[in-house]
N, C-alpha and C. Protein backbone atom coordinates (compact mmCIF):
# COMPACT_ATOMS: atom_id res chain seq x y z
N UNK A 1 -114.75 71.54 133.34
CA UNK A 1 -114.49 72.65 132.66
C UNK A 1 -115.26 72.57 131.40
N UNK A 2 -115.33 71.32 130.94
CA UNK A 2 -116.19 71.02 129.67
C UNK A 2 -117.48 71.09 129.79
N UNK A 3 -117.93 70.64 131.05
CA UNK A 3 -119.24 70.60 131.28
C UNK A 3 -119.87 71.95 131.67
N UNK A 4 -119.05 72.91 132.34
CA UNK A 4 -119.59 74.12 132.64
C UNK A 4 -119.82 74.87 131.23
N UNK A 5 -118.92 74.78 130.45
CA UNK A 5 -119.09 75.43 129.20
C UNK A 5 -120.33 74.72 128.53
N UNK A 6 -120.59 73.52 128.35
CA UNK A 6 -121.57 73.13 127.73
C UNK A 6 -122.95 73.66 128.25
N UNK A 7 -122.97 73.51 129.75
CA UNK A 7 -124.21 74.19 130.29
C UNK A 7 -124.43 75.58 129.99
N UNK A 8 -123.40 76.59 129.90
CA UNK A 8 -123.65 77.84 129.82
C UNK A 8 -123.98 78.10 128.09
N UNK A 9 -123.47 77.30 127.27
CA UNK A 9 -123.84 77.34 125.93
C UNK A 9 -125.35 76.77 125.65
N UNK A 10 -125.69 75.99 126.34
CA UNK A 10 -127.08 75.47 126.21
C UNK A 10 -128.03 76.65 126.81
N UNK A 11 -127.52 77.18 127.87
CA UNK A 11 -128.28 78.23 128.58
C UNK A 11 -128.59 79.33 127.56
N UNK A 12 -127.37 79.71 127.30
CA UNK A 12 -127.34 80.88 126.03
C UNK A 12 -128.34 80.88 125.11
N UNK A 13 -128.02 79.38 124.47
CA UNK A 13 -128.90 79.08 123.21
C UNK A 13 -130.34 79.03 123.47
N UNK A 14 -130.85 78.69 124.78
CA UNK A 14 -132.05 78.74 124.93
C UNK A 14 -132.55 80.26 125.35
N UNK A 15 -131.76 81.08 126.00
CA UNK A 15 -132.39 82.37 125.87
C UNK A 15 -132.41 82.92 124.59
N UNK A 16 -131.33 82.90 123.74
CA UNK A 16 -131.49 83.55 122.28
C UNK A 16 -132.85 82.87 121.52
N UNK A 17 -133.03 81.55 121.89
CA UNK A 17 -134.36 80.97 121.13
C UNK A 17 -135.20 81.66 121.91
N UNK A 18 -135.61 81.83 122.97
CA UNK A 18 -136.67 82.78 123.73
C UNK A 18 -136.76 84.04 123.14
N UNK A 19 -135.67 84.63 123.06
CA UNK A 19 -135.97 86.11 122.54
C UNK A 19 -136.17 86.29 121.14
N UNK A 20 -135.91 85.40 120.34
CA UNK A 20 -136.51 85.18 118.90
C UNK A 20 -137.87 84.80 118.83
N UNK A 21 -138.17 83.89 119.82
CA UNK A 21 -139.55 83.65 120.05
C UNK A 21 -140.58 84.86 120.39
N UNK A 22 -140.08 85.64 121.19
CA UNK A 22 -140.84 86.68 121.73
C UNK A 22 -140.79 87.75 120.56
N UNK A 23 -139.68 87.93 119.91
CA UNK A 23 -139.53 88.99 118.89
C UNK A 23 -140.54 88.54 117.72
N UNK A 24 -140.62 87.50 117.39
CA UNK A 24 -141.51 86.86 116.13
C UNK A 24 -142.75 86.54 116.48
N UNK A 25 -143.22 86.05 117.75
CA UNK A 25 -144.53 85.85 117.83
C UNK A 25 -145.19 86.88 118.54
N UNK A 26 -144.57 87.81 119.22
CA UNK A 26 -145.21 89.17 119.67
C UNK A 26 -145.27 90.33 118.76
N UNK A 27 -144.46 90.19 117.71
CA UNK A 27 -144.42 91.26 116.87
C UNK A 27 -143.60 92.46 117.54
N UNK A 28 -142.60 92.20 118.26
CA UNK A 28 -141.83 93.26 118.81
C UNK A 28 -140.91 94.15 117.68
N UNK A 29 -140.49 95.04 118.17
CA UNK A 29 -139.66 95.90 117.41
C UNK A 29 -140.20 96.29 115.97
N UNK A 30 -141.36 96.19 115.84
CA UNK A 30 -141.95 96.63 114.44
C UNK A 30 -141.95 95.23 113.64
N UNK A 31 -141.62 94.11 114.12
CA UNK A 31 -141.51 92.91 113.24
C UNK A 31 -142.98 92.21 113.00
N UNK A 32 -143.07 91.59 111.84
CA UNK A 32 -144.33 91.15 111.52
C UNK A 32 -144.38 89.81 112.37
N UNK A 33 -145.57 89.46 112.75
CA UNK A 33 -145.75 88.09 113.50
C UNK A 33 -145.28 86.94 112.64
N UNK A 34 -144.32 86.17 113.06
CA UNK A 34 -144.18 85.00 112.17
C UNK A 34 -144.43 83.71 113.00
N UNK A 35 -145.13 82.69 112.40
CA UNK A 35 -145.55 81.41 112.98
C UNK A 35 -144.40 80.56 113.23
N UNK A 36 -143.31 80.58 112.57
CA UNK A 36 -142.16 79.91 112.69
C UNK A 36 -141.02 80.38 113.75
N UNK A 37 -141.63 81.62 114.47
CA UNK A 37 -140.50 82.04 115.25
C UNK A 37 -140.00 81.21 116.43
N UNK A 38 -140.70 80.12 116.93
CA UNK A 38 -140.34 79.11 117.80
C UNK A 38 -139.66 77.87 117.20
N UNK A 39 -139.24 78.06 116.00
CA UNK A 39 -138.52 76.78 115.33
C UNK A 39 -137.03 76.57 116.05
N UNK A 40 -136.61 77.56 116.57
CA UNK A 40 -135.22 77.40 117.07
C UNK A 40 -135.54 76.44 118.59
N UNK A 41 -136.74 76.63 119.14
CA UNK A 41 -136.69 76.06 120.56
C UNK A 41 -137.13 74.55 120.35
N UNK A 42 -137.59 73.91 119.15
CA UNK A 42 -137.77 72.77 118.99
C UNK A 42 -136.51 71.71 119.13
N UNK A 43 -135.38 72.04 118.63
CA UNK A 43 -134.43 70.97 118.83
C UNK A 43 -133.67 71.30 120.40
N UNK A 44 -133.89 72.36 120.82
CA UNK A 44 -133.50 72.40 122.39
C UNK A 44 -134.36 71.64 123.40
N UNK A 45 -135.67 71.50 123.08
CA UNK A 45 -136.69 70.88 124.01
C UNK A 45 -136.84 69.36 123.42
N UNK A 46 -136.22 68.92 122.44
CA UNK A 46 -136.41 67.50 122.14
C UNK A 46 -135.80 66.56 123.46
N UNK A 47 -136.59 65.58 123.65
CA UNK A 47 -137.54 64.87 123.19
C UNK A 47 -138.84 65.37 123.74
N UNK A 48 -138.91 66.13 124.75
CA UNK A 48 -139.85 66.51 125.80
C UNK A 48 -141.04 67.21 124.83
N UNK A 49 -140.74 68.06 123.81
CA UNK A 49 -141.72 68.80 123.05
C UNK A 49 -142.58 67.86 122.22
N UNK A 50 -142.24 66.74 121.94
CA UNK A 50 -143.03 65.96 121.25
C UNK A 50 -144.05 65.36 122.08
N UNK A 51 -144.13 65.43 123.38
CA UNK A 51 -145.18 64.95 124.04
C UNK A 51 -146.23 65.94 124.52
N UNK A 52 -146.00 67.26 123.88
CA UNK A 52 -146.88 68.32 124.17
C UNK A 52 -148.16 68.23 123.60
N UNK A 53 -148.34 67.27 122.61
CA UNK A 53 -149.68 66.93 122.23
C UNK A 53 -150.79 66.56 122.97
N UNK A 54 -150.39 66.22 124.21
CA UNK A 54 -151.37 65.65 125.09
C UNK A 54 -151.94 67.07 125.89
N UNK A 55 -151.57 68.14 125.72
CA UNK A 55 -152.07 69.19 126.53
C UNK A 55 -152.98 69.77 125.47
N UNK A 56 -153.96 70.76 126.07
CA UNK A 56 -154.74 71.50 125.42
C UNK A 56 -153.96 72.59 124.67
N UNK A 57 -154.51 73.17 123.60
CA UNK A 57 -153.66 73.91 122.74
C UNK A 57 -153.24 75.39 123.39
N UNK A 58 -154.03 75.86 124.40
CA UNK A 58 -153.88 77.09 124.99
C UNK A 58 -152.39 77.27 125.84
N UNK A 59 -151.99 76.15 126.58
CA UNK A 59 -150.64 76.26 127.33
C UNK A 59 -149.63 75.70 126.57
N UNK A 60 -149.82 75.21 125.34
CA UNK A 60 -148.72 74.66 124.45
C UNK A 60 -147.68 75.72 124.13
N UNK A 61 -147.97 77.05 124.15
CA UNK A 61 -146.95 77.89 123.75
C UNK A 61 -145.93 78.33 125.06
N UNK A 62 -146.65 78.33 126.19
CA UNK A 62 -145.68 78.57 127.18
C UNK A 62 -144.96 77.11 127.62
N UNK A 63 -145.42 76.04 127.52
CA UNK A 63 -144.77 74.81 127.48
C UNK A 63 -143.85 74.57 126.71
N UNK A 64 -143.79 75.01 125.39
CA UNK A 64 -142.72 74.77 124.55
C UNK A 64 -141.71 75.80 124.91
N UNK A 65 -141.87 76.81 125.34
CA UNK A 65 -140.77 77.84 125.77
C UNK A 65 -140.11 77.35 126.92
N UNK A 66 -140.77 76.61 127.84
CA UNK A 66 -140.23 76.08 129.30
C UNK A 66 -139.63 74.59 129.14
N UNK A 67 -139.86 73.88 128.07
CA UNK A 67 -139.28 72.80 127.98
C UNK A 67 -137.94 72.68 127.98
N UNK A 68 -137.16 73.28 127.06
CA UNK A 68 -135.92 73.14 127.11
C UNK A 68 -135.17 73.10 128.71
N UNK A 69 -135.96 73.86 129.46
CA UNK A 69 -135.30 74.01 131.02
C UNK A 69 -135.05 72.32 131.43
N UNK A 70 -135.99 71.72 131.00
CA UNK A 70 -135.74 70.21 131.62
C UNK A 70 -134.44 69.60 131.06
N UNK A 71 -134.11 69.86 129.78
CA UNK A 71 -132.82 69.27 129.34
C UNK A 71 -131.67 70.08 129.92
N UNK A 72 -131.80 71.54 130.23
CA UNK A 72 -130.68 72.21 131.10
C UNK A 72 -130.59 71.52 132.46
N UNK A 73 -131.68 71.10 133.07
CA UNK A 73 -131.50 70.44 134.39
C UNK A 73 -130.73 69.25 134.42
N UNK A 74 -131.34 68.34 133.17
CA UNK A 74 -130.63 67.12 133.06
C UNK A 74 -129.14 67.36 132.85
N UNK A 75 -128.72 68.35 132.14
CA UNK A 75 -127.31 68.60 131.81
C UNK A 75 -126.62 68.97 133.16
N UNK A 76 -127.24 69.91 134.02
CA UNK A 76 -126.57 70.06 135.30
C UNK A 76 -126.63 68.95 136.15
N UNK A 77 -127.66 68.31 136.33
CA UNK A 77 -127.57 66.96 137.05
C UNK A 77 -126.29 66.16 136.82
N UNK A 78 -126.29 65.86 135.61
CA UNK A 78 -125.17 64.94 134.98
C UNK A 78 -123.90 65.40 135.49
N UNK A 79 -123.72 66.76 135.00
CA UNK A 79 -122.44 67.15 135.51
C UNK A 79 -122.06 67.09 136.94
N UNK A 80 -123.11 67.55 137.71
CA UNK A 80 -122.91 67.07 139.22
C UNK A 80 -122.70 65.75 139.59
N UNK A 81 -123.44 64.84 139.11
CA UNK A 81 -123.24 63.58 139.45
C UNK A 81 -121.92 63.09 139.02
N UNK A 82 -121.16 63.49 137.84
CA UNK A 82 -119.89 63.23 137.38
C UNK A 82 -118.84 63.95 138.42
N UNK A 83 -119.13 65.16 139.15
CA UNK A 83 -118.25 65.86 139.75
C UNK A 83 -117.45 66.80 138.95
N UNK A 84 -117.82 67.11 137.81
CA UNK A 84 -117.13 67.82 136.77
C UNK A 84 -117.44 69.48 137.11
N UNK A 85 -118.61 69.75 137.59
CA UNK A 85 -118.88 71.00 137.93
C UNK A 85 -118.85 71.42 139.61
N UNK A 86 -117.84 72.17 139.79
CA UNK A 86 -117.73 72.52 141.32
C UNK A 86 -117.89 73.99 141.37
């Protein structure tokens, strides 16, 4: 039960951070473009987003948005290994 809640909370936090990134970086809903709109994705993607410097600058935006998916996959795998999530 705890594992399922943690998985859903992480997934919801990731979706909220992606929504804030889209609104801030693309200027949706009349908002001004904000270079710090991806700040909420940073802690969700640690430690993998520290490795993004090896990639060229163009795909870093998309990679930074997708990196928390690795942590979500790890959480799901750990839950399944422990047999907590059924």
